[in-house]
Amino acid sequence: MNKLENDFLIIETSKSGAELTRIFSKALNKEILWNGDSKYWGRHSPILFPIVGRLKDNETIIDNKVYNMTQHGFARDMNFNLVDTADNSISYKLTSNEDTKKYYPYSFELIITYKLINNNVNIYWEVKNTDSNDIYFSIGAHPAFNIQSNVEDYYLKFNSRNNIENISLKGPFNDKYTKVDTLDRLDLSNDVFKNDAIIYTNIDEISLKSKKEDYFINVSFKDFPLVGIWSPYYKDTNTIAPFICIEPWYGLCDNINSDKIFKNKAFINKLKSQDTFNASYSISIEQK
């Protein structure tokens, strides 16, 4: 683990998956990020690349060849190289190699940077196309935030753009798109995720707030096309895990009627040879 610290926060990150593994608030004396207890979910905040969600039959077709990838892609399970450190930032890089090309034929560099600024954790993504041809990819975040009490004490506050849609799931695949007239607040409950993740388009910011706590967690991701909200649901007890994931995405799981052709996926990103894709989002801990 590699640690960054300022007067407000301590964060820890890992070369394994370039994952953010800890956010600790000094002012609140609280662990903000999920601890990775495998009883519920053994991760903290994985990087989803080069797919978000699941492929139909865990396979996709690129340049007329079939490739197999499991849910959320391979980057979260690979060791990145530590490429830069400073007092308030750290960067990791994954370069395409023989192992990545077993799943995904393109040449690329994926650079993940974490930067501490006051009570903010800023996360930067950089995808470089080092291939001689266009490449296609998805990328997403998956941070999980602790729930300190009963889930019904919590709600989500939204800051959104126009033309919001809710994308429903059928099993692990996307199905119907439904227009949402207004989206201001979602009260959480134990059965809110019984149909898996809740997915919206055109959201800029979500705050996880408690009716009892004197602070809230704010996730800001302006211009991202999608966000998923999730916690594992346990049907036998009608409960969820003690965390909520707020997941900004540039990509989506396959459609139930997918033709499996990678470049035809909804919300896929196309990057020309030698071009670079950049995106960023931030996590802040705010006091009411």
Protein backbone atom coordinates (compact mmCIF):
# COMPACT_ATOMS: atom_id res chain seq x y z
CA MET A 1 0.00 0.00 0.00
CA ASN A 2 1.07 3.57 -0.70
CA LYS A 3 -0.17 6.35 1.58
CA LEU A 4 -0.93 10.04 0.99
CA GLU A 5 -1.85 12.33 3.84
CA ASN A 6 -2.76 15.95 4.45
CA ASP A 7 -4.44 17.85 7.30
CA PHE A 8 -7.85 16.46 6.36
CA LEU A 9 -7.51 12.97 4.93
CA ILE A 10 -5.40 9.83 4.71
CA ILE A 11 -5.72 7.72 1.59
CA GLU A 12 -4.06 4.47 0.64
CA THR A 13 -3.66 2.98 -2.83
CA SER A 14 -2.30 -0.26 -4.22
CA LYS A 15 -0.32 -1.34 -7.27
CA SER A 16 -2.81 -4.19 -7.56
CA GLY A 17 -5.42 -2.78 -9.90
CA ALA A 18 -4.22 0.78 -9.09
CA GLU A 19 -7.02 0.61 -6.54
CA LEU A 20 -7.92 3.22 -3.94
CA THR A 21 -8.13 1.12 -0.78
CA ARG A 22 -8.69 3.62 2.04
CA ILE A 23 -10.10 7.06 2.74
CA PHE A 24 -9.87 8.13 6.36
CA SER A 25 -11.27 11.45 7.58
CA LYS A 26 -9.18 12.98 10.35
CA ALA A 27 -11.82 15.55 11.27
CA LEU A 28 -14.49 12.88 11.69
CA ASN A 29 -12.17 10.11 12.86
CA LYS A 30 -14.00 7.81 10.45
CA GLU A 31 -13.18 5.31 7.73
CA ILE A 32 -15.05 6.51 4.66
CA LEU A 33 -14.18 3.82 2.11
CA TRP A 34 -15.33 0.20 2.43
CA ASN A 35 -12.73 -2.09 4.01
CA GLY A 36 -12.98 -4.92 1.46
CA ASP A 37 -14.44 -7.53 3.80
CA SER A 38 -14.96 -10.49 1.44
CA LYS A 39 -17.98 -11.61 3.47
CA TYR A 40 -19.82 -8.95 1.46
CA TRP A 41 -17.48 -7.73 -1.30
CA GLY A 42 -13.72 -8.11 -1.37
CA ARG A 43 -12.87 -4.84 -3.13
CA HIS A 44 -12.77 -1.15 -2.24
CA SER A 45 -12.79 0.96 -5.41
CA PRO A 46 -11.70 -1.04 -8.47
CA ILE A 47 -10.93 0.44 -11.89
CA LEU A 48 -13.26 -0.97 -14.55
CA PHE A 49 -11.40 -1.34 -17.87
CA PRO A 50 -11.74 -2.05 -20.78
CA ILE A 51 -15.37 -2.98 -20.08
CA VAL A 52 -17.98 -1.88 -17.58
CA GLY A 53 -20.36 -4.58 -16.44
CA ARG A 54 -20.72 -7.92 -18.15
CA LEU A 55 -20.39 -9.18 -21.70
CA LYS A 56 -22.95 -11.58 -23.10
CA ASP A 57 -21.51 -15.08 -22.48
CA ASN A 58 -18.39 -13.25 -21.21
CA GLU A 59 -17.20 -12.82 -24.78
CA THR A 60 -16.90 -10.10 -27.39
CA ILE A 61 -15.89 -9.86 -31.04
CA ILE A 62 -13.04 -7.54 -32.06
CA ASP A 63 -11.84 -7.55 -35.67
CA ASN A 64 -13.75 -10.79 -36.31
CA LYS A 65 -12.05 -12.62 -33.47
CA VAL A 66 -13.71 -13.73 -30.22
CA TYR A 67 -12.16 -12.58 -26.92
CA ASN A 68 -13.22 -13.61 -23.42
CA MET A 69 -13.46 -11.15 -20.54
CA THR A 70 -15.17 -11.47 -17.19
CA GLN A 71 -17.24 -8.74 -15.56
CA HIS A 72 -15.66 -5.26 -15.44
CA GLY A 73 -12.56 -6.30 -17.39
CA PHE A 74 -9.02 -7.27 -16.46
CA ALA A 75 -7.38 -4.05 -15.21
CA ARG A 76 -8.67 -4.41 -11.66
CA ASP A 77 -6.83 -7.74 -11.33
CA MET A 78 -3.48 -6.68 -12.81
CA ASN A 79 -0.43 -5.11 -11.21
CA PHE A 80 0.24 -1.55 -12.34
CA ASN A 81 3.64 0.14 -12.27
CA LEU A 82 4.17 3.02 -9.88
CA VAL A 83 5.29 5.83 -12.20
CA ASP A 84 5.11 9.07 -10.22
CA THR A 85 4.85 10.21 -6.62
CA ALA A 86 4.65 13.61 -4.98
CA ASP A 87 3.65 14.94 -1.57
CA ASN A 88 -0.01 14.98 -2.53
CA SER A 89 -0.32 12.68 -5.56
CA ILE A 90 0.54 9.25 -6.88
CA SER A 91 0.27 7.72 -10.37
CA TYR A 92 0.14 4.17 -11.67
CA LYS A 93 0.40 2.83 -15.21
CA LEU A 94 -0.72 -0.34 -16.95
CA THR A 95 0.82 -0.94 -20.38
CA SER A 96 -0.63 -3.46 -22.80
CA ASN A 97 1.36 -6.69 -22.94
CA GLU A 98 1.09 -10.36 -23.84
CA ASP A 99 -1.31 -10.97 -20.96
CA THR A 100 -3.70 -8.12 -21.77
CA LYS A 101 -3.77 -9.08 -25.45
CA LYS A 102 -5.19 -12.49 -24.55
CA TYR A 103 -8.37 -10.61 -23.62
CA TYR A 104 -8.15 -7.39 -25.62
CA PRO A 105 -6.00 -7.02 -28.76
CA TYR A 106 -5.27 -3.29 -28.63
CA SER A 107 -2.07 -1.53 -27.59
CA PHE A 108 -2.66 1.09 -24.89
CA GLU A 109 -1.42 2.78 -21.74
CA LEU A 110 -3.77 3.30 -18.80
CA ILE A 111 -2.62 5.86 -16.22
CA ILE A 112 -4.45 6.34 -12.92
CA THR A 113 -3.59 9.30 -10.68
CA TYR A 114 -4.82 10.11 -7.17
CA LYS A 115 -4.39 13.62 -5.78
CA LEU A 116 -5.25 15.00 -2.35
CA ILE A 117 -6.49 18.60 -2.18
CA ASN A 118 -7.87 19.58 1.23
CA ASN A 119 -10.85 17.28 1.90
CA ASN A 120 -11.02 16.10 -1.73
CA VAL A 121 -9.66 12.97 -3.37
CA ASN A 122 -9.31 13.71 -7.09
CA ILE A 123 -9.02 10.72 -9.41
CA TYR A 124 -7.67 11.14 -12.95
CA TRP A 125 -7.83 8.63 -15.79
CA GLU A 126 -5.69 8.75 -18.91
CA VAL A 127 -6.03 6.23 -21.74
CA LYS A 128 -3.39 6.48 -24.48
CA ASN A 129 -3.87 4.74 -27.79
CA THR A 130 -0.42 3.39 -28.66
CA ASP A 131 -1.91 1.17 -31.38
CA SER A 132 -1.60 1.83 -35.11
CA ASN A 133 -5.41 1.67 -35.43
CA ASP A 134 -8.44 3.10 -33.65
CA ILE A 135 -9.18 1.43 -30.32
CA TYR A 136 -12.47 1.03 -28.47
CA PHE A 137 -12.87 0.86 -24.71
CA SER A 138 -15.03 1.49 -21.66
CA ILE A 139 -13.81 2.74 -18.29
CA GLY A 140 -15.53 3.19 -14.96
CA ALA A 141 -15.17 3.75 -11.23
CA HIS A 142 -16.59 1.59 -8.43
CA PRO A 143 -15.94 3.23 -5.02
CA ALA A 144 -17.84 1.80 -2.05
CA PHE A 145 -18.71 4.01 0.94
CA ASN A 146 -19.43 2.82 4.45
CA ILE A 147 -22.91 3.01 5.91
CA GLN A 148 -22.53 3.78 9.60
CA SER A 149 -26.09 2.91 10.66
CA ASN A 150 -29.40 1.56 9.29
CA VAL A 151 -29.63 1.97 5.51
CA GLU A 152 -33.03 3.66 5.87
CA ASP A 153 -31.26 6.54 7.60
CA TYR A 154 -29.57 7.38 4.27
CA TYR A 155 -30.58 9.05 1.04
CA LEU A 156 -28.93 10.17 -2.18
CA LYS A 157 -29.08 13.78 -3.35
CA PHE A 158 -28.63 14.37 -7.12
CA ASN A 159 -27.32 17.20 -9.25
CA SER A 160 -28.31 16.39 -12.81
CA ARG A 161 -28.38 17.61 -16.39
CA ASN A 162 -31.29 17.51 -18.83
CA ASN A 163 -32.68 14.38 -20.49
CA ILE A 164 -32.09 11.94 -17.63
CA GLU A 165 -32.83 8.31 -18.38
CA ASN A 166 -33.03 5.28 -16.13
CA ILE A 167 -31.51 2.17 -17.71
CA SER A 168 -33.07 -0.99 -16.33
CA LEU A 169 -31.33 -4.33 -16.14
CA LYS A 170 -32.55 -7.78 -17.11
CA GLY A 171 -30.19 -10.05 -15.28
CA PRO A 172 -26.70 -8.55 -15.73
CA PHE A 173 -27.56 -6.89 -19.07
CA ASN A 174 -29.13 -3.56 -19.95
CA ASP A 175 -32.69 -3.56 -21.20
CA LYS A 176 -35.10 -0.61 -21.25
CA TYR A 177 -34.33 3.14 -21.24
CA THR A 178 -36.98 5.19 -19.43
CA LYS A 179 -37.08 8.99 -19.37
CA VAL A 180 -36.94 10.53 -15.89
CA ASP A 181 -38.77 13.85 -15.59
CA THR A 182 -37.09 14.98 -12.37
CA LEU A 183 -34.46 13.42 -10.14
CA ASP A 184 -33.65 15.17 -6.89
CA ARG A 185 -33.48 12.56 -4.15
CA LEU A 186 -33.54 8.79 -3.66
CA ASP A 187 -34.32 7.41 -0.21
CA LEU A 188 -32.42 4.21 0.44
CA SER A 189 -33.91 1.01 1.79
CA ASN A 190 -33.02 -2.66 2.04
CA ASP A 191 -34.90 -3.57 -1.14
CA VAL A 192 -33.82 -0.68 -3.37
CA PHE A 193 -31.17 -2.86 -5.08
CA LYS A 194 -33.21 -6.05 -5.33
CA ASN A 195 -33.02 -5.78 -9.14
CA ASP A 196 -29.25 -5.08 -9.06
CA ALA A 197 -27.69 -1.69 -9.81
CA ILE A 198 -29.66 1.50 -10.49
CA ILE A 199 -28.30 3.25 -13.60
CA TYR A 200 -28.89 6.83 -14.74
CA THR A 201 -27.64 8.99 -17.58
CA ASN A 202 -26.71 12.68 -17.36
CA ILE A 203 -25.93 13.04 -13.67
CA ASP A 204 -23.14 15.38 -12.55
CA GLU A 205 -22.97 14.78 -8.82
CA ILE A 206 -24.37 12.53 -6.10
CA SER A 207 -24.18 13.07 -2.35
CA LEU A 208 -24.62 10.21 0.09
CA LYS A 209 -26.33 11.78 3.10
CA SER A 210 -27.52 10.53 6.46
CA LYS A 211 -30.46 11.82 8.44
CA LYS A 212 -28.41 11.32 11.61
CA GLU A 213 -24.76 12.05 10.76
CA ASP A 214 -23.26 15.55 10.64
CA TYR A 215 -21.35 14.94 7.40
CA PHE A 216 -21.94 13.63 3.89
CA ILE A 217 -19.93 12.09 1.05
CA ASN A 218 -20.00 13.90 -2.27
CA VAL A 219 -19.02 12.27 -5.59
CA SER A 220 -18.65 14.74 -8.47
CA PHE A 221 -18.27 13.53 -12.08
CA LYS A 222 -19.38 16.26 -14.46
CA ASP A 223 -19.78 15.22 -18.13
CA PHE A 224 -19.75 11.47 -17.41
CA PRO A 225 -22.49 9.83 -19.48
CA LEU A 226 -23.54 7.29 -16.83
CA VAL A 227 -23.58 6.50 -13.14
CA GLY A 228 -24.39 3.23 -11.41
CA ILE A 229 -25.54 2.95 -7.79
CA TRP A 230 -25.23 -0.44 -6.12
CA SER A 231 -24.95 -2.56 -3.03
CA PRO A 232 -25.23 -6.38 -2.91
CA TYR A 233 -28.77 -7.47 -2.09
CA TYR A 234 -29.43 -10.59 -0.01
CA LYS A 235 -32.83 -11.99 -0.90
CA ASP A 236 -33.02 -14.43 2.00
CA THR A 237 -32.74 -11.63 4.59
CA ASN A 238 -33.99 -8.69 2.48
CA THR A 239 -30.89 -6.72 3.39
CA ILE A 240 -27.98 -5.05 1.63
CA ALA A 241 -24.28 -4.89 2.49
CA PRO A 242 -23.11 -2.08 4.83
CA PHE A 243 -21.90 0.11 1.97
CA ILE A 244 -23.18 2.00 -1.05
CA CYS A 245 -21.28 2.22 -4.35
CA ILE A 246 -21.53 5.39 -6.45
CA GLU A 247 -19.98 4.51 -9.81
CA PRO A 248 -19.29 7.08 -12.56
CA TRP A 249 -18.99 5.29 -15.90
CA TYR A 250 -17.89 5.81 -19.49
CA GLY A 251 -19.40 2.52 -20.58
CA LEU A 252 -22.19 0.03 -19.97
CA CYS A 253 -22.81 -3.71 -19.78
CA ASP A 254 -24.01 -5.49 -22.91
CA ASN A 255 -27.60 -5.18 -24.03
CA ILE A 256 -29.80 -8.27 -23.66
CA ASN A 257 -29.89 -8.41 -27.48
CA SER A 258 -26.18 -7.72 -28.00
CA ASP A 259 -24.56 -8.83 -31.25
CA LYS A 260 -21.32 -9.15 -29.22
CA ILE A 261 -19.40 -6.83 -31.58
CA PHE A 262 -17.28 -4.70 -29.26
CA LYS A 263 -17.40 -1.44 -31.20
CA ASN A 264 -21.23 -1.66 -31.28
CA LYS A 265 -21.59 -1.55 -27.48
CA ALA A 266 -23.66 1.27 -26.05
CA PHE A 267 -21.55 4.17 -24.73
CA ILE A 268 -18.33 2.71 -26.14
CA ASN A 269 -15.42 5.12 -26.52
CA LYS A 270 -13.43 5.36 -29.75
CA LEU A 271 -9.87 6.68 -29.65
CA LYS A 272 -7.74 7.39 -32.70
CA SER A 273 -4.17 6.16 -32.99
CA GLN A 274 -1.80 8.12 -30.72
CA ASP A 275 -4.67 10.13 -29.18
CA THR A 276 -5.38 10.35 -25.45
CA PHE A 277 -8.64 10.15 -23.50
CA ASN A 278 -8.81 12.04 -20.18
CA ALA A 279 -11.48 12.04 -17.49
CA SER A 280 -11.62 12.73 -13.78
CA TYR A 281 -13.95 12.62 -10.82
CA SER A 282 -13.67 13.61 -7.16
CA ILE A 283 -14.71 12.33 -3.76
CA SER A 284 -15.09 14.83 -0.94
CA ILE A 285 -16.17 14.54 2.67
CA GLU A 286 -18.28 17.53 3.63
CA GLN A 287 -19.67 18.58 7.00
CA LYS A 288 -23.26 19.81 7.14
